[in-house]
């Protein structure tokens, strides 16, 4: 009988232990409901069962449920009270933790240490120190937590004093002190302490190597790395980071190839290093070689493409990421939003916006700024304004995005109204704000308002106008035909005019056909930026419009001699999720799968607008050819092809959105106005300078661009 009783007790005890382990396991997996079912099903609950369930609630960010269960416990040990303190600390509820600490019946060294850790974690180092000095007894963990807090607070000398008073120092304490010196750049003291260590583990060596790396002593780090007795994955990655962060990618690649195991962290470091070095292909090679990709691998490669102008590749990779079931993280979504902005891919941008809403990120100020920029660049000002209005916290970046957006879309009055509202709310505008409002005045030709705002910068807002603000004023005066006043402003600038200033003047000279001043401005731009094709092209355009073909030939010859290359004009349109690119010229687009249909539609549209009064403007053909050839050349400009494809593919009632990498030519501008009228479609064209909203034969720029 006695044997059976002992056996039964042993069995029950083992069963409870097993169930307690199940509770803890479910807690780690986040399956709090399953954990509670196991707990409630226990016929005999011991104190460990209660402690495990309380810990589960804390582990899953349910501190109130944890406290309620704690209050129901039939008995509590010091371990139970310590669990309550630690749980509150992990949930960043240090005040509640202190309340428990003060009322618990018995405290041990773990209780004190947990409370000190809570204060350190919240940056309340002085409170932690006060409590530490009251401790009746301390162990090595207490000391390490306390001087770790002092290091975190950059009180390195005080941390060293405490370190020196420690009766027993383990390897963790030594390593923490070495890391503290490294963190503040005191490498000589860190190395001295490192050399004095009675025993070192792999973490100690890695901390010293990382210290050298973080302070740009990569070669010293490598020497220490070479004599390191045992290296682990973290050690290799720390050394690799030294090379990647300093741009020494050849040495990084050599080390990477020598690594016994290439972790995903090391692969990510290589991708980022090549990205920062501009080696996109090499970054992609490493990406392809990475067997186990994590979220950071995908987001780093997407960011690489976005940063270096490979927007289509970024979109394809993002699509591949989703196809493989990888949930995009915050950086990936922000990168793709930027890509959508650059490509004006509104549909894709809307989908990313939806994901941000689902992830509850749509109240973040940075996210909303990026969203506003995306909608502005995609030509949807209404949606941009909705995001702006819904944002509870608006920083100056958001105001600037909206003010500049109205400006770029030719809505100068709305831009100025928003600027006035900004000022009425006592929000201080910055230099970017003034670029936006001055551009609005320039685009709308509002000289008086522009001069008033420009003069108020210094007098009212204590902001010294920069080169960009002078460029806006030169553009404002020049566009209105006041070229002499613009030149006078340039001559009286407090700083040397840069290429942007002279480029603004040159653009105005093109509008008003002032060849003499254009030649002066072009010469200045070429001196400042000899490889910039812009001034050559503008000058060539002006000569061509005046039929000075010899001068055109001279400009082109000089470009060849100086090896200056013109950026080829291209336009694109997004249909569904696919970006369709078009280049100027009939033969350039023959590879498009629907080329014949596009040409048929273009010829049909050109016929309709001729009946409506369109006459090709040969001034925009920059070669000495006969009139018939000029008309043929004008017909195949990239923006016309993109618009024709839009009419062909975009359903009626949906806005046709086209982008161009250069300024839209005057003939295409006239043609698209008439196309919008004859087919009764709204067309939005974003060129290098601004947006053009075509509807019913009228453009939002009022032919002033």
Foldseek 3Di string as FASTA:
>chain_A
DVVVVVVVVVVLVVVQVVLLVVLLVCLVVLNLVVSVVSLVPRPDHDQSSLLSNLLSCLSNVNLVVSVVSLVVDPDDDLSSLLSNLLSCLSNLNLVVSVVSLVPDPDHDQSSLQSSLLSCLVVLNLVVSVVSLVVDPDYDQSSLQSNLLSCLVVVVLVVSVVSLVPHPDHDQSSLLSNLLSCLVVVNLVVSVVSLVVDPDHDQSSLQSNLLSCLVVLVLVVSVVSLVPDPDHDPSSLQSSLLSCLVVLVLVVSVVSCVVDPDCDLSSLLSNLLSCLVVVNLVVSVVSLVVDPDHALSSLLSNLLSCLVNVVLVVSLVSVVVCVVVVHDHDDSSLLSNLSSCLVLLVVVVNVVSVVVCVVVVNLQPQVVLLSSLSNCLSNVNLVVSVVSVVPHPDYDLSSLLSNLLSCLQQLNLVVSVVSVVVCVVVVNQHALSSLLSNLSSCLLNLVLVVNVVSQVCCCVPRVYDHDLSSLLSNLLSCLLVVNLVVNVVSQVPDPDHHALSNLLSSLVSCLVVLVLVSLVVSLVRNCVRPVQDCSSLVSNLLSCLLVPVQVVNVVSVVVCVVSVHDDDFKKKWFAFPNDIDIAGQDLVRRVPPPCSVVLVVLLVVLVVQVVVVPQDADLSRDSHPDDPVVSVVRVSRHRVSSQVSVQVVRPDPPDETEMEMAADDDPSVVQSVLSSCQRVVHWYWYHYNRHIWTHHNSATSSRPRD
